[in-house]
Amino acid sequence: MFDLDAHIGLHADALRLRSKRSEMIARNLANADTPGFEARDIDFRQALSSARREGGAVSLTATQSQHLRTGGGAMGDRQLNEAASLYRVPVAPSIDGNTVDVQLEQAAFSENAIRYQTTLHFVNSKLRGLMTALTGQ
């Protein structure tokens, strides 16, 4: 029996983590003017290695019934936040206690988006190769 998760492997976990990281960075940007808000980010390498050690993918929580299910991964949002979510150390902290540096967050968001697209390209290539093997074309 063919295991699609094993074929895609690390890339599927990376896509889920990159998606979660995009959400965190977007939350940071949305709260750039909120007094006392502390910016957070994911230690991507640590989270990915944790997901691999746990033997499964990172699962994302569906907050609405219309959301697609991601499969029952070994590491959920709570574990991800505890294991790999870190507070950003501000370069120039603001007087109101907000640690969001908008330029840093925008750069991180752009970099993460590019890496997400790159990983998605790898997944597409693997699936195309699988389709070629199945159809013989």
N, C-alpha and C. Protein backbone atom coordinates (compact mmCIF):
# COMPACT_ATOMS: atom_id res chain seq x y z
N MET A 1 0.84 -1.18 0.00
CA MET A 1 0.00 0.00 0.00
C MET A 1 0.89 1.25 0.00
N PHE A 2 0.51 2.23 -0.77
CA PHE A 2 1.29 3.46 -0.92
C PHE A 2 0.89 4.46 0.17
N ASP A 3 1.86 5.07 0.80
CA ASP A 3 1.61 6.06 1.85
C ASP A 3 2.00 7.44 1.31
N LEU A 4 0.99 8.24 0.98
CA LEU A 4 1.23 9.57 0.40
C LEU A 4 1.98 10.47 1.38
N ASP A 5 1.65 10.38 2.68
CA ASP A 5 2.35 11.19 3.67
C ASP A 5 3.84 10.87 3.70
N ALA A 6 4.17 9.59 3.57
CA ALA A 6 5.58 9.22 3.55
C ALA A 6 6.27 9.73 2.29
N HIS A 7 5.53 9.75 1.17
CA HIS A 7 6.11 10.21 -0.08
C HIS A 7 6.39 11.72 -0.04
N ILE A 8 5.44 12.48 0.48
CA ILE A 8 5.62 13.92 0.58
C ILE A 8 6.52 14.27 1.75
N GLY A 9 6.37 13.52 2.84
CA GLY A 9 7.25 13.60 3.99
C GLY A 9 7.42 14.96 4.61
N LEU A 10 8.63 15.36 4.71
CA LEU A 10 9.03 16.59 5.38
C LEU A 10 8.36 17.83 4.82
N HIS A 11 8.07 17.82 3.53
CA HIS A 11 7.48 19.00 2.90
C HIS A 11 6.08 19.32 3.41
N ALA A 12 5.29 18.29 3.67
CA ALA A 12 3.94 18.52 4.20
C ALA A 12 4.02 19.16 5.59
N ASP A 13 4.93 18.66 6.42
CA ASP A 13 5.11 19.25 7.74
C ASP A 13 5.60 20.70 7.63
N ALA A 14 6.52 20.93 6.70
CA ALA A 14 7.04 22.28 6.50
C ALA A 14 5.94 23.25 6.06
N LEU A 15 5.05 22.80 5.18
CA LEU A 15 3.94 23.65 4.74
C LEU A 15 3.04 24.02 5.91
N ARG A 16 2.73 23.05 6.75
CA ARG A 16 1.87 23.33 7.90
C ARG A 16 2.54 24.32 8.85
N LEU A 17 3.83 24.13 9.09
CA LEU A 17 4.54 25.04 9.98
C LEU A 17 4.67 26.44 9.38
N ARG A 18 4.93 26.52 8.10
CA ARG A 18 5.03 27.84 7.45
C ARG A 18 3.68 28.55 7.51
N SER A 19 2.61 27.81 7.36
CA SER A 19 1.27 28.41 7.46
C SER A 19 1.03 28.94 8.87
N LYS A 20 1.40 28.16 9.87
CA LYS A 20 1.24 28.59 11.27
C LYS A 20 2.11 29.82 11.54
N ARG A 21 3.31 29.83 10.99
CA ARG A 21 4.20 30.98 11.19
C ARG A 21 3.62 32.23 10.53
N SER A 22 3.03 32.09 9.36
CA SER A 22 2.38 33.23 8.70
C SER A 22 1.28 33.81 9.58
N GLU A 23 0.50 32.93 10.20
CA GLU A 23 -0.57 33.39 11.10
C GLU A 23 0.01 34.19 12.27
N MET A 24 1.10 33.69 12.85
CA MET A 24 1.70 34.38 14.00
C MET A 24 2.25 35.75 13.60
N ILE A 25 2.93 35.80 12.46
CA ILE A 25 3.50 37.07 12.01
C ILE A 25 2.38 38.05 11.67
N ALA A 26 1.31 37.56 11.04
CA ALA A 26 0.17 38.43 10.72
C ALA A 26 -0.47 38.95 12.01
N ARG A 27 -0.54 38.11 13.03
CA ARG A 27 -1.08 38.55 14.32
C ARG A 27 -0.18 39.64 14.92
N ASN A 28 1.12 39.47 14.78
CA ASN A 28 2.05 40.50 15.27
C ASN A 28 1.79 41.83 14.56
N LEU A 29 1.68 41.77 13.24
CA LEU A 29 1.46 42.99 12.47
C LEU A 29 0.12 43.63 12.82
N ALA A 30 -0.89 42.82 13.03
CA ALA A 30 -2.21 43.36 13.37
C ALA A 30 -2.22 44.04 14.73
N ASN A 31 -1.31 43.64 15.60
CA ASN A 31 -1.25 44.21 16.94
C ASN A 31 -0.08 45.18 17.12
N ALA A 32 0.39 45.74 16.03
CA ALA A 32 1.54 46.64 16.10
C ALA A 32 1.28 47.87 16.97
N ASP A 33 0.03 48.28 17.10
CA ASP A 33 -0.30 49.46 17.90
C ASP A 33 -0.97 49.11 19.22
N THR A 34 -0.99 47.85 19.59
CA THR A 34 -1.62 47.42 20.83
C THR A 34 -0.63 47.54 21.98
N PRO A 35 -0.92 48.37 22.96
CA PRO A 35 0.01 48.52 24.09
C PRO A 35 0.21 47.20 24.82
N GLY A 36 1.46 46.89 25.12
CA GLY A 36 1.80 45.70 25.88
C GLY A 36 1.83 44.41 25.08
N PHE A 37 1.53 44.46 23.78
CA PHE A 37 1.54 43.24 22.97
C PHE A 37 2.98 42.79 22.75
N GLU A 38 3.22 41.51 22.96
CA GLU A 38 4.55 40.95 22.76
C GLU A 38 4.57 40.10 21.50
N ALA A 39 5.41 40.48 20.55
CA ALA A 39 5.50 39.76 19.28
C ALA A 39 6.04 38.36 19.51
N ARG A 40 5.48 37.41 18.75
CA ARG A 40 5.91 36.01 18.85
C ARG A 40 6.29 35.50 17.47
N ASP A 41 7.07 34.45 17.47
CA ASP A 41 7.48 33.81 16.23
C ASP A 41 7.71 32.33 16.53
N ILE A 42 7.88 31.55 15.49
CA ILE A 42 8.14 30.13 15.64
C ILE A 42 9.60 29.86 15.34
N ASP A 43 10.23 29.05 16.16
CA ASP A 43 11.55 28.54 15.84
C ASP A 43 11.31 27.39 14.87
N PHE A 44 11.39 27.68 13.59
CA PHE A 44 10.98 26.75 12.55
C PHE A 44 11.75 25.44 12.62
N ARG A 45 13.05 25.52 12.77
CA ARG A 45 13.87 24.30 12.81
C ARG A 45 13.50 23.40 13.98
N GLN A 46 13.31 24.01 15.14
CA GLN A 46 12.93 23.24 16.32
C GLN A 46 11.56 22.60 16.15
N ALA A 47 10.61 23.35 15.63
CA ALA A 47 9.26 22.82 15.43
C ALA A 47 9.25 21.69 14.41
N LEU A 48 10.00 21.84 13.33
CA LEU A 48 10.04 20.81 12.30
C LEU A 48 10.72 19.55 12.82
N SER A 49 11.81 19.71 13.55
CA SER A 49 12.47 18.52 14.09
C SER A 49 11.61 17.86 15.15
N SER A 50 10.85 18.63 15.92
CA SER A 50 9.92 18.05 16.90
C SER A 50 8.84 17.26 16.20
N ALA A 51 8.30 17.80 15.13
CA ALA A 51 7.26 17.10 14.37
C ALA A 51 7.81 15.80 13.80
N ARG A 52 9.03 15.82 13.32
CA ARG A 52 9.63 14.61 12.76
C ARG A 52 9.91 13.58 13.85
N ARG A 53 10.39 14.04 15.01
CA ARG A 53 10.67 13.12 16.13
C ARG A 53 9.39 12.48 16.64
N GLU A 54 8.30 13.25 16.66
CA GLU A 54 7.02 12.73 17.15
C GLU A 54 6.43 11.74 16.16
N GLY A 55 6.99 11.69 14.98
CA GLY A 55 6.52 10.72 13.99
C GLY A 55 5.27 11.13 13.26
N GLY A 56 4.95 12.38 13.29
CA GLY A 56 3.75 12.81 12.60
C GLY A 56 3.81 14.25 12.23
N ALA A 57 2.77 14.68 11.62
CA ALA A 57 2.68 16.05 11.15
C ALA A 57 2.17 16.96 12.24
N VAL A 58 2.32 18.23 12.00
CA VAL A 58 1.77 19.24 12.88
C VAL A 58 0.31 19.41 12.50
N SER A 59 -0.59 19.31 13.47
CA SER A 59 -2.00 19.49 13.13
C SER A 59 -2.43 20.90 13.48
N LEU A 60 -3.29 21.45 12.67
CA LEU A 60 -3.84 22.77 12.92
C LEU A 60 -5.26 22.61 13.40
N THR A 61 -5.70 23.48 14.26
CA THR A 61 -7.03 23.40 14.82
C THR A 61 -8.05 24.01 13.87
N ALA A 62 -9.12 23.27 13.60
CA ALA A 62 -10.22 23.79 12.80
C ALA A 62 -11.14 24.56 13.72
N THR A 63 -11.33 25.84 13.45
CA THR A 63 -12.15 26.68 14.32
C THR A 63 -13.58 26.82 13.81
N GLN A 64 -13.83 26.36 12.59
CA GLN A 64 -15.17 26.40 12.01
C GLN A 64 -15.44 25.08 11.31
N SER A 65 -16.70 24.72 11.21
CA SER A 65 -17.06 23.45 10.59
C SER A 65 -16.70 23.40 9.11
N GLN A 66 -16.56 24.56 8.45
CA GLN A 66 -16.22 24.59 7.03
C GLN A 66 -14.72 24.37 6.77
N HIS A 67 -13.89 24.43 7.80
CA HIS A 67 -12.46 24.24 7.60
C HIS A 67 -12.14 22.81 7.19
N LEU A 68 -11.16 22.68 6.33
CA LEU A 68 -10.70 21.36 5.94
C LEU A 68 -9.90 20.75 7.07
N ARG A 69 -9.99 19.46 7.23
CA ARG A 69 -9.22 18.76 8.26
C ARG A 69 -7.82 18.50 7.72
N THR A 70 -6.81 18.61 8.59
CA THR A 70 -5.44 18.42 8.17
C THR A 70 -4.91 17.06 8.52
N GLY A 71 -5.72 16.23 9.10
CA GLY A 71 -5.24 14.92 9.52
C GLY A 71 -4.79 14.99 10.96
N GLY A 72 -4.81 13.90 11.62
CA GLY A 72 -4.47 13.87 13.05
C GLY A 72 -2.99 13.80 13.27
N GLY A 73 -2.33 14.90 13.25
CA GLY A 73 -0.90 14.92 13.49
C GLY A 73 -0.57 14.72 14.95
N ALA A 74 0.68 14.47 15.22
CA ALA A 74 1.11 14.19 16.58
C ALA A 74 1.26 15.46 17.40
N MET A 75 1.47 16.58 16.74
CA MET A 75 1.72 17.82 17.46
C MET A 75 0.64 18.83 17.13
N GLY A 76 -0.14 19.24 18.10
CA GLY A 76 -1.21 20.20 17.90
C GLY A 76 -0.76 21.62 18.14
N ASP A 77 -1.70 22.57 18.04
CA ASP A 77 -1.39 23.98 18.24
C ASP A 77 -0.77 24.24 19.60
N ARG A 78 -1.35 23.64 20.65
CA ARG A 78 -0.85 23.91 22.00
C ARG A 78 0.60 23.44 22.14
N GLN A 79 0.88 22.22 21.66
CA GLN A 79 2.25 21.71 21.73
C GLN A 79 3.19 22.55 20.88
N LEU A 80 2.72 22.98 19.71
CA LEU A 80 3.54 23.81 18.83
C LEU A 80 3.88 25.12 19.52
N ASN A 81 2.89 25.75 20.13
CA ASN A 81 3.13 27.01 20.82
C ASN A 81 4.11 26.84 21.96
N GLU A 82 3.99 25.73 22.70
CA GLU A 82 4.89 25.51 23.83
C GLU A 82 6.29 25.16 23.36
N ALA A 83 6.39 24.34 22.32
CA ALA A 83 7.69 23.82 21.90
C ALA A 83 8.50 24.81 21.09
N ALA A 84 7.85 25.56 20.21
CA ALA A 84 8.62 26.33 19.25
C ALA A 84 8.29 27.80 19.19
N SER A 85 7.24 28.24 19.86
CA SER A 85 6.85 29.64 19.82
C SER A 85 7.71 30.43 20.79
N LEU A 86 8.29 31.48 20.28
CA LEU A 86 9.18 32.31 21.09
C LEU A 86 8.74 33.76 21.04
N TYR A 87 9.04 34.50 22.08
CA TYR A 87 8.81 35.94 22.05
C TYR A 87 9.98 36.58 21.34
N ARG A 88 9.68 37.56 20.51
CA ARG A 88 10.75 38.30 19.82
C ARG A 88 11.41 39.25 20.80
N VAL A 89 12.71 39.36 20.69
CA VAL A 89 13.44 40.33 21.49
C VAL A 89 13.45 41.64 20.71
N PRO A 90 12.87 42.69 21.27
CA PRO A 90 12.77 43.94 20.51
C PRO A 90 14.13 44.62 20.35
N VAL A 91 14.36 45.18 19.17
CA VAL A 91 15.58 45.94 18.91
C VAL A 91 15.48 47.29 19.60
N ALA A 92 14.33 47.92 19.47
CA ALA A 92 14.08 49.21 20.12
C ALA A 92 12.69 49.15 20.75
N PRO A 93 12.58 48.68 21.99
CA PRO A 93 11.26 48.55 22.61
C PRO A 93 10.54 49.89 22.73
N SER A 94 9.23 49.83 22.60
CA SER A 94 8.45 51.06 22.70
C SER A 94 8.10 51.35 24.16
N ILE A 95 7.69 52.56 24.40
CA ILE A 95 7.35 53.00 25.76
C ILE A 95 6.14 52.24 26.30
N ASP A 96 5.20 51.89 25.42
CA ASP A 96 3.98 51.22 25.88
C ASP A 96 4.14 49.71 26.06
N GLY A 97 5.35 49.18 25.86
CA GLY A 97 5.61 47.76 26.08
C GLY A 97 5.36 46.87 24.87
N ASN A 98 4.97 47.46 23.76
CA ASN A 98 4.75 46.69 22.54
C ASN A 98 6.10 46.34 21.93
N THR A 99 6.30 45.06 21.57
CA THR A 99 7.59 44.62 21.03
C THR A 99 7.56 44.36 19.52
N VAL A 100 6.50 44.79 18.84
CA VAL A 100 6.38 44.57 17.40
C VAL A 100 7.22 45.60 16.65
N ASP A 101 8.14 45.12 15.83
CA ASP A 101 8.90 45.97 14.91
C ASP A 101 8.31 45.71 13.53
N VAL A 102 7.52 46.65 13.03
CA VAL A 102 6.75 46.44 11.81
C VAL A 102 7.66 46.05 10.64
N GLN A 103 8.79 46.71 10.47
CA GLN A 103 9.67 46.39 9.36
C GLN A 103 10.23 44.98 9.48
N LEU A 104 10.62 44.58 10.67
CA LEU A 104 11.12 43.23 10.90
C LEU A 104 10.03 42.20 10.62
N GLU A 105 8.82 42.47 11.06
CA GLU A 105 7.70 41.55 10.84
C GLU A 105 7.36 41.44 9.36
N GLN A 106 7.37 42.55 8.65
CA GLN A 106 7.09 42.52 7.21
C GLN A 106 8.15 41.72 6.46
N ALA A 107 9.41 41.90 6.84
CA ALA A 107 10.49 41.14 6.22
C ALA A 107 10.35 39.65 6.52
N ALA A 108 10.02 39.32 7.77
CA ALA A 108 9.84 37.92 8.15
C ALA A 108 8.66 37.31 7.41
N PHE A 109 7.58 38.08 7.27
CA PHE A 109 6.41 37.60 6.55
C PHE A 109 6.75 37.32 5.09
N SER A 110 7.47 38.23 4.45
CA SER A 110 7.86 38.06 3.04
C SER A 110 8.77 36.84 2.87
N GLU A 111 9.74 36.70 3.75
CA GLU A 111 10.65 35.56 3.67
C GLU A 111 9.88 34.26 3.85
N ASN A 112 8.98 34.22 4.82
CA ASN A 112 8.20 33.02 5.08
C ASN A 112 7.30 32.69 3.88
N ALA A 113 6.73 33.71 3.25
CA ALA A 113 5.88 33.48 2.07
C ALA A 113 6.69 32.88 0.92
N ILE A 114 7.90 33.37 0.72
CA ILE A 114 8.76 32.84 -0.34
C ILE A 114 9.13 31.39 -0.04
N ARG A 115 9.47 31.12 1.21
CA ARG A 115 9.81 29.74 1.59
C ARG A 115 8.60 28.82 1.49
N TYR A 116 7.42 29.32 1.80
CA TYR A 116 6.19 28.54 1.65
C TYR A 116 6.00 28.17 0.18
N GLN A 117 6.15 29.16 -0.71
CA GLN A 117 6.00 28.91 -2.15
C GLN A 117 7.03 27.90 -2.65
N THR A 118 8.24 28.00 -2.15
CA THR A 118 9.30 27.06 -2.55
C THR A 118 8.94 25.64 -2.11
N THR A 119 8.49 25.50 -0.88
CA THR A 119 8.10 24.19 -0.38
C THR A 119 6.91 23.65 -1.16
N LEU A 120 5.97 24.52 -1.48
CA LEU A 120 4.82 24.11 -2.27
C LEU A 120 5.26 23.62 -3.65
N HIS A 121 6.27 24.27 -4.21
CA HIS A 121 6.82 23.84 -5.50
C HIS A 121 7.40 22.43 -5.39
N PHE A 122 8.12 22.14 -4.30
CA PHE A 122 8.67 20.80 -4.09
C PHE A 122 7.56 19.76 -3.99
N VAL A 123 6.49 20.07 -3.25
CA VAL A 123 5.36 19.15 -3.11
C VAL A 123 4.72 18.91 -4.48
N ASN A 124 4.51 19.98 -5.25
CA ASN A 124 3.94 19.83 -6.59
C ASN A 124 4.83 18.95 -7.48
N SER A 125 6.14 19.14 -7.37
CA SER A 125 7.06 18.32 -8.17
C SER A 125 6.96 16.85 -7.79
N LYS A 126 6.88 16.58 -6.49
CA LYS A 126 6.75 15.19 -6.04
C LYS A 126 5.45 14.58 -6.53
N LEU A 127 4.37 15.35 -6.45
CA LEU A 127 3.08 14.83 -6.91
C LEU A 127 3.06 14.64 -8.43
N ARG A 128 3.70 15.55 -9.16
CA ARG A 128 3.81 15.38 -10.61
C ARG A 128 4.59 14.12 -10.95
N GLY A 129 5.67 13.89 -10.22
CA GLY A 129 6.46 12.67 -10.44
C GLY A 129 5.65 11.42 -10.13
N LEU A 130 4.84 11.48 -9.10
CA LEU A 130 3.97 10.35 -8.75
C LEU A 130 2.93 10.11 -9.84
N MET A 131 2.33 11.20 -10.34
CA MET A 131 1.36 11.06 -11.42
C MET A 131 2.00 10.49 -12.68
N THR A 132 3.22 10.88 -12.97
CA THR A 132 3.94 10.35 -14.11
C THR A 132 4.18 8.86 -13.94
N ALA A 133 4.55 8.46 -12.74
CA ALA A 133 4.77 7.04 -12.47
C ALA A 133 3.49 6.23 -12.60
N LEU A 134 2.37 6.82 -12.16
CA LEU A 134 1.09 6.11 -12.22
C LEU A 134 0.53 6.01 -13.63
N THR A 135 0.67 7.09 -14.38
CA THR A 135 0.08 7.12 -15.72
C THR A 135 1.06 6.67 -16.80
N GLY A 136 2.33 6.68 -16.50
CA GLY A 136 3.35 6.26 -17.49
C GLY A 136 3.61 7.30 -18.54
N GLN A 137 3.23 8.53 -18.30
CA GLN A 137 3.44 9.58 -19.31
C GLN A 137 4.49 10.56 -18.85
